[in-house]
Structure formats: structure tokens, C-alpha cells
């Protein structure tokens, strides 16, 4: 059972570091920049812009 736990731990660590490597790789820079700007692309909650006839903002 201890060997199985060790194997599972090693596989989990490799998967974790693989995901980190993939997320920070150079070919993901454009997608990461785009995702970082998404919150600023949403309309403000208090403004009427884009919320007309929906019952938001008064």
C-alpha cells in the first residue's frame, strides 16, 4: 500500500508541475493577457450603459 501511495504522490506532483509549466509557457502569453483584461471589459454595475429595459440601475 505504501508503494501505491508513493506512486500516486509522484504522479500527482508531475501533473501539478506540468500544469504550472503549461500555464506559464511562452505560447500562452497572449491568452493570459487577454484573460487578465476580462474584468475590465465588463460594464460597470452602477451605470445604465447596456442595462436599459432590464430593470437594472435607475
N, C-alpha and C. Protein backbone atom coordinates (compact mmCIF):
# COMPACT_ATOMS: atom_id res chain seq x y z
N UNK A 1 0.83 -1.20 0.00
CA UNK A 1 0.00 0.00 0.00
C UNK A 1 0.87 1.26 0.00
N UNK A 2 2.01 1.21 0.67
CA UNK A 2 2.89 2.38 0.73
C UNK A 2 3.46 2.69 -0.65
N UNK A 3 3.74 1.65 -1.42
CA UNK A 3 4.27 1.88 -2.77
C UNK A 3 3.22 2.57 -3.63
N UNK A 4 1.97 2.16 -3.50
CA UNK A 4 0.88 2.77 -4.25
C UNK A 4 0.73 4.25 -3.87
N UNK A 5 0.83 4.55 -2.59
CA UNK A 5 0.76 5.95 -2.14
C UNK A 5 1.91 6.76 -2.73
N UNK A 6 3.11 6.19 -2.75
CA UNK A 6 4.27 6.87 -3.31
C UNK A 6 4.12 7.13 -4.80
N UNK A 7 3.64 6.13 -5.52
CA UNK A 7 3.43 6.27 -6.96
C UNK A 7 2.39 7.34 -7.24
N UNK A 8 1.31 7.33 -6.50
CA UNK A 8 0.26 8.33 -6.68
C UNK A 8 0.79 9.73 -6.37
N UNK A 9 1.61 9.86 -5.35
CA UNK A 9 2.19 11.16 -4.99
C UNK A 9 3.10 11.67 -6.11
N UNK A 10 3.94 10.81 -6.66
CA UNK A 10 4.84 11.20 -7.75
C UNK A 10 4.04 11.61 -8.97
N UNK A 11 3.02 10.85 -9.33
CA UNK A 11 2.18 11.18 -10.49
C UNK A 11 1.48 12.51 -10.27
N UNK A 12 0.97 12.73 -9.07
CA UNK A 12 0.29 13.99 -8.76
C UNK A 12 1.25 15.17 -8.86
N UNK A 13 2.46 15.02 -8.35
CA UNK A 13 3.44 16.09 -8.42
C UNK A 13 3.81 16.39 -9.87
N UNK A 14 4.01 15.36 -10.68
CA UNK A 14 4.33 15.56 -12.09
C UNK A 14 3.20 16.28 -12.82
N UNK A 15 1.98 15.91 -12.53
CA UNK A 15 0.84 16.58 -13.16
C UNK A 15 0.77 18.05 -12.72
N UNK A 16 1.00 18.30 -11.44
CA UNK A 16 0.97 19.68 -10.93
C UNK A 16 2.02 20.54 -11.63
N UNK A 17 3.26 20.05 -11.66
CA UNK A 17 4.32 20.83 -12.29
C UNK A 17 4.13 20.92 -13.80
N UNK A 18 3.51 19.94 -14.41
CA UNK A 18 3.18 20.01 -15.83
C UNK A 18 2.16 21.10 -16.12
N UNK A 19 1.17 21.22 -15.28
CA UNK A 19 0.16 22.27 -15.45
C UNK A 19 0.78 23.64 -15.24
N UNK A 20 1.64 23.78 -14.24
CA UNK A 20 2.33 25.05 -14.00
C UNK A 20 3.18 25.41 -15.21
N UNK A 21 3.93 24.45 -15.73
CA UNK A 21 4.78 24.70 -16.91
C UNK A 21 3.92 25.12 -18.11
N UNK A 22 2.80 24.45 -18.32
CA UNK A 22 1.91 24.76 -19.45
C UNK A 22 1.32 26.17 -19.29
N UNK A 23 0.86 26.50 -18.07
CA UNK A 23 0.20 27.79 -17.84
C UNK A 23 1.16 28.97 -18.02
N UNK A 24 2.42 28.78 -17.69
CA UNK A 24 3.40 29.87 -17.76
C UNK A 24 4.28 29.78 -19.00
N UNK A 25 3.98 28.90 -19.94
CA UNK A 25 4.81 28.77 -21.13
C UNK A 25 4.63 29.99 -22.05
N UNK A 26 5.59 30.20 -22.91
CA UNK A 26 5.61 31.39 -23.77
C UNK A 26 4.44 31.44 -24.74
N UNK A 27 3.97 30.31 -25.21
CA UNK A 27 2.87 30.35 -26.18
C UNK A 27 1.52 30.66 -25.53
N UNK A 28 1.47 30.79 -24.20
CA UNK A 28 0.23 31.13 -23.50
C UNK A 28 0.16 32.61 -23.12
N UNK A 29 1.18 33.40 -23.45
CA UNK A 29 1.24 34.80 -23.02
C UNK A 29 0.03 35.59 -23.54
N UNK A 30 -0.31 35.44 -24.81
CA UNK A 30 -1.43 36.18 -25.39
C UNK A 30 -2.74 35.82 -24.67
N UNK A 31 -2.99 34.54 -24.46
CA UNK A 31 -4.22 34.10 -23.78
C UNK A 31 -4.26 34.59 -22.34
N UNK A 32 -3.12 34.57 -21.65
CA UNK A 32 -3.08 35.04 -20.27
C UNK A 32 -3.33 36.54 -20.19
N UNK A 33 -2.76 37.32 -21.12
CA UNK A 33 -3.02 38.75 -21.15
C UNK A 33 -4.49 39.06 -21.42
N UNK A 34 -5.08 38.32 -22.34
CA UNK A 34 -6.50 38.50 -22.66
C UNK A 34 -7.38 38.17 -21.44
N UNK A 35 -7.06 37.10 -20.76
CA UNK A 35 -7.83 36.71 -19.57
C UNK A 35 -7.66 37.73 -18.45
N UNK A 36 -6.49 38.34 -18.35
CA UNK A 36 -6.25 39.34 -17.31
C UNK A 36 -7.06 40.60 -17.55
N UNK A 37 -7.39 40.90 -18.80
CA UNK A 37 -8.17 42.10 -19.12
C UNK A 37 -9.68 41.89 -19.06
N UNK A 38 -10.14 40.66 -18.95
CA UNK A 38 -11.59 40.39 -18.97
C UNK A 38 -12.39 41.16 -17.92
N UNK A 39 -11.94 41.27 -16.67
CA UNK A 39 -12.76 42.01 -15.70
C UNK A 39 -12.98 43.47 -16.08
N UNK A 40 -12.05 44.05 -16.81
CA UNK A 40 -12.18 45.45 -17.20
C UNK A 40 -13.06 45.62 -18.43
N UNK A 41 -13.39 44.56 -19.12
CA UNK A 41 -14.23 44.64 -20.31
C UNK A 41 -15.72 44.63 -19.95
N UNK A 42 -16.05 44.30 -18.71
CA UNK A 42 -17.44 44.26 -18.29
C UNK A 42 -17.95 45.67 -18.00
N UNK A 43 -19.24 45.93 -18.23
CA UNK A 43 -19.78 47.25 -17.89
C UNK A 43 -19.82 47.43 -16.37
N UNK A 44 -19.75 48.67 -15.95
CA UNK A 44 -19.84 48.97 -14.52
C UNK A 44 -21.23 48.62 -14.00
N UNK A 45 -21.29 48.17 -12.76
CA UNK A 45 -22.57 47.74 -12.19
C UNK A 45 -23.53 48.91 -11.98
N UNK A 46 -23.04 50.08 -11.65
CA UNK A 46 -23.90 51.21 -11.34
C UNK A 46 -24.33 52.00 -12.55
N UNK A 47 -23.78 51.75 -13.71
CA UNK A 47 -24.12 52.55 -14.88
C UNK A 47 -25.33 51.96 -15.61
N UNK A 48 -26.01 52.82 -16.36
CA UNK A 48 -27.16 52.38 -17.15
C UNK A 48 -26.72 51.87 -18.52
N UNK A 49 -25.48 52.05 -18.86
CA UNK A 49 -24.97 51.64 -20.18
C UNK A 49 -25.09 50.13 -20.34
N UNK A 50 -25.86 49.71 -21.30
CA UNK A 50 -26.03 48.29 -21.57
C UNK A 50 -27.07 47.62 -20.69
N UNK A 51 -27.69 48.37 -19.79
CA UNK A 51 -28.67 47.77 -18.87
C UNK A 51 -30.09 48.32 -19.08
N UNK A 52 -30.32 49.00 -20.14
CA UNK A 52 -31.66 49.58 -20.37
C UNK A 52 -32.68 48.46 -20.61
N UNK A 53 -33.88 48.69 -20.13
CA UNK A 53 -35.01 47.77 -20.27
C UNK A 53 -34.75 46.43 -19.61
N UNK A 54 -33.83 46.37 -18.69
CA UNK A 54 -33.58 45.11 -17.98
C UNK A 54 -33.86 45.25 -16.49
N UNK A 55 -34.27 46.43 -16.06
CA UNK A 55 -34.60 46.62 -14.66
C UNK A 55 -33.40 46.91 -13.77
N UNK A 56 -32.22 47.13 -14.36
CA UNK A 56 -31.03 47.43 -13.57
C UNK A 56 -30.81 48.93 -13.55
N UNK A 57 -30.28 49.41 -12.45
CA UNK A 57 -29.95 50.84 -12.36
C UNK A 57 -31.18 51.70 -12.57
N UNK A 58 -31.27 52.76 -11.83
CA UNK A 58 -32.45 53.60 -12.02
C UNK A 58 -32.12 55.04 -12.16
